[in-house]
Amino acid sequence: MSAIRNKQRLIHLYRYLMENTDEDHQATTNELVDFLRREDANVSRKTVKDDIDVLTEEGIDIIVTKSFYNSYFIGSRTFEVPEIKLLADGVAGSKTISMEKKKEIIRKLLSMLSVFQAEKIEKLLHFDNNASAVSEQLYYTIDRISDAISEKHRISFGYCDPAKGGGKGEEKHIVLSPIVIRSSNNHFYVCGYRKEGGKPKVYRLDRMRQTRVLEEKGDPQPDRAKVDRYLRSLFDMETGEMTDVTLECSDEIAEVVRERFGQDAETWRSTQDRFYIKVPISVSAAFYGWVFRYGGKIRIAAPATVREDYLRRAVDLIKSM
């Protein structure tokens, strides 16, 4: 092995500290000297101390435990252990990411921790084996749409919705000005406008084919708050007719309702322990399922057409049992 240069030595030292030290696993000056000498670096205890000072000056949080043989470890990292655990759990439990891709993503996440911290997280992970085999194409689609959003360009794609066309679906050619990509109910969706002045539309990415970024600029981007309000109106990204709906809700689930529709939604008291909230909602089967989930703590007060449709569906369900 040829001797490593000074600049290389700093990188080797930084990598060693990132991979092999944390609060419970510290490296003494002598251990760092031995490591660098194994890497064929000409070092001394003073060299290591000077290198540590350089890394610290560059913003690396290296904690020194003062003793006869000073020891060192990485303090704060870009992502802390609980944050990596949350991200890794989300990936492991996904139903849309293949097992091979899950392991690849989690390996990258764990590389930001020490090997000891990574080992602890690996032991606690539970992989959902029911994940569908998402093709590599989905990742390219996400990348292309992200570029289009950043550059404010339109995209074109073929789209097949099996919910239409008698269950077989009919592929349509769509041109869209994309605004945002969101995940919901283990699927990825893009929200955007098909034409200027129209209503926002939502499309599932795994049903998109031959996605291309067009040269032409997209429609002017709407106010982000308007987009957020629209997305809150969707349930599991299922779209229906947009309608102003008034719900009567129990105070017991006030936080759930406000979290769903935003703190600025129009509300007023109904009774001492109930309140009304009026919000635009994309009325769909998923919306009705959300109302039913709370077992009477949410009542559709208006309009009558939405209330009657909900009751009709409930009666049909009872009759079918």
Protein backbone atom coordinates (compact mmCIF):
# COMPACT_ATOMS: atom_id res chain seq x y z
CA MET A 1 0.00 0.00 0.00
CA SER A 2 1.40 3.38 -0.93
CA ALA A 3 1.58 6.02 1.78
CA ILE A 4 -1.56 8.15 1.97
CA ARG A 5 -1.25 11.90 1.62
CA ASN A 6 -2.25 14.35 4.35
CA LYS A 7 -5.60 15.23 2.70
CA GLN A 8 -6.40 11.53 2.33
CA ARG A 9 -5.49 10.96 5.97
CA LEU A 10 -8.17 13.42 7.10
CA ILE A 11 -10.79 11.58 5.06
CA HIS A 12 -9.70 8.19 6.43
CA LEU A 13 -9.84 9.53 9.98
CA TYR A 14 -13.28 11.08 9.44
CA ARG A 15 -14.69 7.85 8.02
CA TYR A 16 -13.27 5.81 10.88
CA LEU A 17 -14.82 8.07 13.50
CA MET A 18 -18.21 8.08 11.71
CA GLU A 19 -18.33 4.30 11.34
CA ASN A 20 -16.75 3.14 14.57
CA THR A 21 -17.51 5.66 17.31
CA ASP A 22 -20.49 6.88 19.26
CA GLU A 23 -21.11 7.84 22.89
CA ASP A 24 -20.81 4.22 24.02
CA HIS A 25 -17.88 3.33 21.75
CA GLN A 26 -15.04 5.84 21.90
CA ALA A 27 -11.63 5.65 20.24
CA THR A 28 -8.48 6.62 22.13
CA THR A 29 -5.68 8.62 20.57
CA ASN A 30 -3.51 5.50 20.46
CA GLU A 31 -6.25 3.52 18.68
CA LEU A 32 -6.56 6.24 16.06
CA VAL A 33 -2.76 6.30 15.61
CA ASP A 34 -2.72 2.51 15.16
CA PHE A 35 -5.56 2.70 12.63
CA LEU A 36 -3.88 5.36 10.53
CA ARG A 37 -0.54 3.54 10.60
CA ARG A 38 -2.35 0.42 9.31
CA GLU A 39 -3.56 2.68 6.50
CA ASP A 40 0.13 3.47 5.86
CA ALA A 41 -0.01 7.03 7.15
CA ASN A 42 2.96 8.61 8.87
CA VAL A 43 1.31 9.85 12.10
CA SER A 44 1.95 10.57 15.74
CA ARG A 45 -0.30 11.39 18.68
CA LYS A 46 0.16 15.09 17.90
CA THR A 47 -0.78 14.50 14.25
CA VAL A 48 -4.07 12.89 15.32
CA LYS A 49 -4.84 15.74 17.72
CA ASP A 50 -4.14 18.32 15.00
CA ASP A 51 -6.34 16.42 12.51
CA ILE A 52 -9.16 16.25 15.06
CA ASP A 53 -8.89 20.01 15.50
CA VAL A 54 -9.14 20.54 11.72
CA LEU A 55 -12.25 18.33 11.45
CA THR A 56 -13.84 20.12 14.40
CA GLU A 57 -13.14 23.53 12.85
CA GLU A 58 -14.91 22.29 9.68
CA GLY A 59 -18.09 21.61 11.65
CA ILE A 60 -17.72 17.90 12.52
CA ASP A 61 -19.08 17.37 16.04
CA ILE A 62 -16.24 15.37 17.61
CA ILE A 63 -16.52 15.01 21.39
CA VAL A 64 -13.32 14.68 23.40
CA THR A 65 -13.27 12.73 26.67
CA LYS A 66 -10.32 14.14 28.57
CA SER A 67 -7.97 11.58 30.13
CA PHE A 68 -4.34 10.48 29.90
CA TYR A 69 -5.24 8.76 26.61
CA ASN A 70 -7.86 11.19 25.31
CA SER A 71 -10.74 9.41 23.57
CA TYR A 72 -13.01 10.70 20.83
CA PHE A 73 -16.44 10.01 19.36
CA ILE A 74 -18.90 11.57 16.90
CA GLY A 75 -21.56 13.56 18.75
CA SER A 76 -24.44 14.86 16.64
CA ARG A 77 -24.96 13.48 13.13
CA THR A 78 -27.04 14.61 10.16
CA PHE A 79 -29.71 12.17 11.36
CA GLU A 80 -29.86 10.96 14.94
CA VAL A 81 -30.64 7.34 15.90
CA PRO A 82 -34.39 7.86 16.61
CA GLU A 83 -34.79 9.68 13.27
CA ILE A 84 -33.08 6.88 11.33
CA LYS A 85 -35.22 4.34 13.22
CA LEU A 86 -38.41 6.15 12.16
CA LEU A 87 -37.29 6.33 8.52
CA ALA A 88 -36.13 2.71 8.45
CA ASP A 89 -39.40 1.49 10.01
CA GLY A 90 -41.36 3.38 7.36
CA VAL A 91 -39.36 1.78 4.56
CA ALA A 92 -39.48 -1.72 6.09
CA GLY A 93 -43.27 -1.57 6.50
CA SER A 94 -44.01 -0.21 3.03
CA LYS A 95 -46.27 -2.31 0.82
CA THR A 96 -45.10 -0.68 -2.40
CA ILE A 97 -41.33 -1.14 -2.15
CA SER A 98 -39.82 -4.48 -3.11
CA MET A 99 -37.80 -6.35 -0.48
CA GLU A 100 -34.58 -5.87 -2.45
CA LYS A 101 -35.15 -2.12 -2.67
CA LYS A 102 -36.09 -1.90 1.02
CA LYS A 103 -32.80 -3.46 2.06
CA GLU A 104 -30.87 -1.16 -0.26
CA ILE A 105 -32.55 2.00 1.10
CA ILE A 106 -32.17 0.90 4.74
CA ARG A 107 -28.51 0.06 4.16
CA LYS A 108 -27.98 3.65 2.96
CA LEU A 109 -29.84 5.05 5.98
CA LEU A 110 -27.85 2.96 8.44
CA SER A 111 -24.56 4.05 6.84
CA MET A 112 -25.10 7.45 8.48
CA LEU A 113 -24.69 5.87 11.93
CA SER A 114 -21.91 3.99 13.66
CA VAL A 115 -21.81 0.23 13.04
CA PHE A 116 -22.91 -0.33 16.64
CA GLN A 117 -25.95 1.96 16.35
CA ALA A 118 -26.85 0.42 12.99
CA GLU A 119 -26.70 -3.09 14.45
CA LYS A 120 -29.18 -2.16 17.19
CA ILE A 121 -31.67 -0.78 14.68
CA GLU A 122 -31.31 -3.80 12.36
CA LYS A 123 -32.31 -6.13 15.20
CA LEU A 124 -35.53 -4.15 15.80
CA LEU A 125 -36.68 -3.90 12.18
CA HIS A 126 -39.72 -5.84 11.01
CA PHE A 127 -40.12 -6.24 7.25
CA ASP A 128 -43.57 -6.43 5.72
CA ASN A 129 -43.35 -9.36 3.32
CA ASN A 130 -46.59 -8.42 1.56
CA ALA A 131 -44.94 -5.73 -0.50
CA SER A 132 -45.87 -5.69 -4.15
CA ALA A 133 -43.03 -6.00 -6.62
CA VAL A 134 -42.78 -2.39 -7.75
CA SER A 135 -40.81 -2.09 -10.94
CA GLU A 136 -37.69 0.02 -11.20
CA GLN A 137 -39.70 2.18 -13.58
CA LEU A 138 -41.52 3.78 -10.63
CA TYR A 139 -38.29 5.31 -9.35
CA TYR A 140 -37.48 6.75 -12.76
CA THR A 141 -41.01 8.15 -12.97
CA ILE A 142 -40.62 9.88 -9.59
CA ASP A 143 -37.27 11.30 -10.72
CA ARG A 144 -38.69 12.67 -13.99
CA ILE A 145 -41.73 14.24 -12.32
CA SER A 146 -39.53 15.81 -9.63
CA ASP A 147 -37.39 17.39 -12.37
CA ALA A 148 -40.53 18.67 -14.13
CA ILE A 149 -41.85 20.24 -10.92
CA SER A 150 -38.48 21.88 -10.23
CA GLU A 151 -38.16 23.24 -13.78
CA LYS A 152 -41.92 24.07 -14.06
CA HIS A 153 -42.40 21.94 -17.18
CA ARG A 154 -45.36 19.83 -18.30
CA ILE A 155 -45.23 16.04 -18.42
CA SER A 156 -47.00 13.57 -20.68
CA PHE A 157 -47.88 9.94 -19.97
CA GLY A 158 -50.25 7.14 -20.79
CA TYR A 159 -52.70 6.41 -17.96
CA CYS A 160 -54.85 3.35 -17.35
CA ASP A 161 -57.41 3.41 -14.51
CA PRO A 162 -58.83 -0.11 -13.90
CA ALA A 163 -61.71 1.45 -11.95
CA LYS A 164 -63.05 2.68 -15.28
CA GLY A 165 -63.84 0.87 -18.51
CA GLY A 166 -65.54 -2.12 -16.93
CA GLY A 167 -62.55 -3.04 -14.80
CA LYS A 168 -60.23 -3.42 -17.79
CA GLY A 169 -59.32 0.22 -17.99
CA GLU A 170 -58.69 2.34 -21.03
CA GLU A 171 -55.33 4.00 -21.51
CA LYS A 172 -55.53 7.72 -22.12
CA HIS A 173 -52.82 10.16 -23.12
CA ILE A 174 -52.48 12.84 -20.42
CA VAL A 175 -50.57 16.13 -20.44
CA LEU A 176 -50.18 17.55 -16.94
CA SER A 177 -48.58 20.50 -15.16
CA PRO A 178 -47.37 18.65 -12.03
CA ILE A 179 -47.38 20.40 -8.67
CA VAL A 180 -46.48 17.85 -6.02
CA ILE A 181 -45.86 14.13 -5.43
CA ARG A 182 -47.50 12.58 -2.39
CA SER A 183 -47.73 9.08 -0.90
CA SER A 184 -50.99 7.75 0.53
CA ASN A 185 -52.17 4.30 1.51
CA ASN A 186 -48.92 2.76 0.24
CA HIS A 187 -49.12 4.32 -3.22
CA PHE A 188 -47.48 7.35 -4.84
CA TYR A 189 -49.53 10.03 -6.59
CA VAL A 190 -48.88 13.18 -8.58
CA CYS A 191 -51.20 16.16 -8.29
CA GLY A 192 -51.39 18.75 -11.05
CA TYR A 193 -53.45 20.65 -13.61
CA ARG A 194 -54.40 19.35 -17.05
CA LYS A 195 -55.21 22.80 -18.35
CA GLU A 196 -55.03 26.36 -17.09
CA GLY A 197 -58.00 27.29 -14.94
CA GLY A 198 -59.13 23.68 -14.52
CA LYS A 199 -59.46 21.70 -11.33
CA PRO A 200 -56.50 19.81 -9.84
CA LYS A 201 -56.21 16.15 -10.84
CA VAL A 202 -54.52 13.24 -9.08
CA TYR A 203 -52.88 10.25 -10.80
CA ARG A 204 -51.31 7.10 -9.37
CA LEU A 205 -47.71 6.74 -10.46
CA ASP A 206 -47.69 2.97 -10.89
CA ARG A 207 -50.50 3.32 -13.47
CA MET A 208 -48.52 5.81 -15.55
CA ARG A 209 -46.68 4.63 -18.66
CA GLN A 210 -43.93 6.26 -20.75
CA THR A 211 -43.70 9.39 -18.62
CA ARG A 212 -41.83 12.20 -20.39
CA VAL A 213 -40.85 15.72 -19.41
CA LEU A 214 -41.95 18.11 -22.15
CA GLU A 215 -40.06 21.17 -23.35
CA GLU A 216 -43.09 23.43 -22.90
CA LYS A 217 -43.53 25.29 -19.65
CA GLY A 218 -46.41 24.28 -17.38
CA ASP A 219 -49.25 26.42 -16.09
CA PRO A 220 -48.41 29.02 -13.40
CA GLN A 221 -47.99 27.31 -10.04
CA PRO A 222 -51.00 27.89 -7.76
CA ASP A 223 -50.74 29.12 -4.20
CA ARG A 224 -49.33 26.23 -2.12
CA ALA A 225 -52.00 26.73 0.55
CA LYS A 226 -54.67 26.13 -2.11
CA VAL A 227 -52.98 22.87 -3.13
CA ASP A 228 -52.70 21.74 0.49
CA ARG A 229 -56.42 22.42 1.02
CA TYR A 230 -57.25 20.37 -2.04
CA LEU A 231 -55.09 17.45 -0.94
CA ARG A 232 -56.70 17.52 2.51
CA SER A 233 -60.06 17.14 0.78
CA LEU A 234 -58.97 13.79 -0.66
CA PHE A 235 -59.24 10.51 1.22
CA ASP A 236 -56.59 7.93 0.30
CA MET A 237 -56.11 10.09 -2.80
CA GLU A 238 -59.48 8.88 -4.10
CA THR A 239 -61.09 11.63 -6.13
CA GLY A 240 -64.77 12.42 -6.43
CA GLU A 241 -66.96 15.45 -7.00
CA MET A 242 -65.71 18.45 -5.03
CA THR A 243 -68.51 19.58 -2.68
CA ASP A 244 -68.76 21.93 0.29
CA VAL A 245 -69.73 19.55 3.10
CA THR A 246 -70.82 20.43 6.63
CA LEU A 247 -69.96 17.85 9.28
CA GLU A 248 -71.19 17.77 12.86
CA CYS A 249 -68.41 16.39 15.06
CA SER A 250 -67.96 15.41 18.68
CA ASP A 251 -65.46 17.40 20.72
CA GLU A 252 -63.78 14.04 21.49
CA ILE A 253 -62.28 13.99 18.00
CA ALA A 254 -61.75 17.74 17.56
CA GLU A 255 -57.98 17.37 17.16
CA VAL A 256 -58.39 14.58 14.59
CA VAL A 257 -60.76 16.72 12.53
CA ARG A 258 -58.61 19.86 12.73
CA GLU A 259 -55.50 17.90 11.82
CA ARG A 260 -57.34 16.52 8.80
CA PHE A 261 -58.77 19.79 7.48
CA GLY A 262 -56.44 22.41 8.95
CA GLN A 263 -56.74 24.87 11.81
CA ASP A 264 -58.19 27.60 9.57
CA ALA A 265 -61.30 25.60 8.55
CA GLU A 266 -64.67 27.26 9.26
CA THR A 267 -66.18 25.93 12.52
CA TRP A 268 -68.99 26.87 14.92
CA ARG A 269 -70.73 25.30 17.90
CA SER A 270 -73.58 22.85 17.45
CA THR A 271 -74.22 21.84 21.07
CA GLN A 272 -72.25 22.02 24.27
CA ASP A 273 -70.08 19.05 23.25
CA ARG A 274 -70.33 19.09 19.43
CA PHE A 275 -69.36 21.48 16.64
CA TYR A 276 -69.90 22.03 12.93
CA ILE A 277 -67.12 22.25 10.38
CA LYS A 278 -67.61 23.27 6.74
CA VAL A 279 -64.96 22.15 4.27
CA PRO A 280 -64.61 21.34 0.55
CA ILE A 281 -64.40 17.56 0.20
CA SER A 282 -63.83 15.24 -2.72
CA VAL A 283 -66.85 13.04 -2.02
CA SER A 284 -65.94 9.38 -2.56
CA ALA A 285 -66.33 5.93 -1.02
CA ALA A 286 -63.10 6.55 0.91
CA PHE A 287 -64.63 9.70 2.46
CA TYR A 288 -67.72 7.77 3.56
CA GLY A 289 -65.47 5.08 5.04
CA TRP A 290 -63.63 7.75 7.03
CA VAL A 291 -66.92 9.10 8.44
CA PHE A 292 -68.09 5.58 9.34
CA ARG A 293 -64.80 4.84 11.10
CA TYR A 294 -65.70 7.20 13.97
CA GLY A 295 -68.96 5.44 14.84
CA GLY A 296 -71.38 8.36 15.13
CA LYS A 297 -68.87 10.92 16.34
CA ILE A 298 -69.08 12.47 12.87
CA ARG A 299 -72.40 13.18 11.17
CA ILE A 300 -72.89 14.52 7.65
CA ALA A 301 -75.16 17.52 8.18
CA ALA A 302 -75.21 18.99 4.66
CA PRO A 303 -75.73 18.96 1.79
CA ALA A 304 -78.72 16.62 1.69
CA THR A 305 -77.47 14.88 -1.47
CA VAL A 306 -74.24 13.77 0.23
CA ARG A 307 -76.05 12.76 3.43
CA GLU A 308 -78.64 10.72 1.50
CA ASP A 309 -75.96 9.03 -0.62
CA TYR A 310 -74.13 8.02 2.58
CA LEU A 311 -77.33 6.62 4.12
CA ARG A 312 -78.17 4.74 0.93
CA ARG A 313 -74.76 3.11 0.88
CA ALA A 314 -75.12 2.15 4.57
CA VAL A 315 -78.54 0.56 3.92
CA ASP A 316 -77.20 -1.36 0.91
CA LEU A 317 -74.35 -2.65 3.07
CA ILE A 318 -76.75 -3.86 5.78
CA LYS A 319 -78.95 -5.59 3.20
CA SER A 320 -76.00 -7.41 1.71
CA MET A 321 -75.02 -8.98 5.06
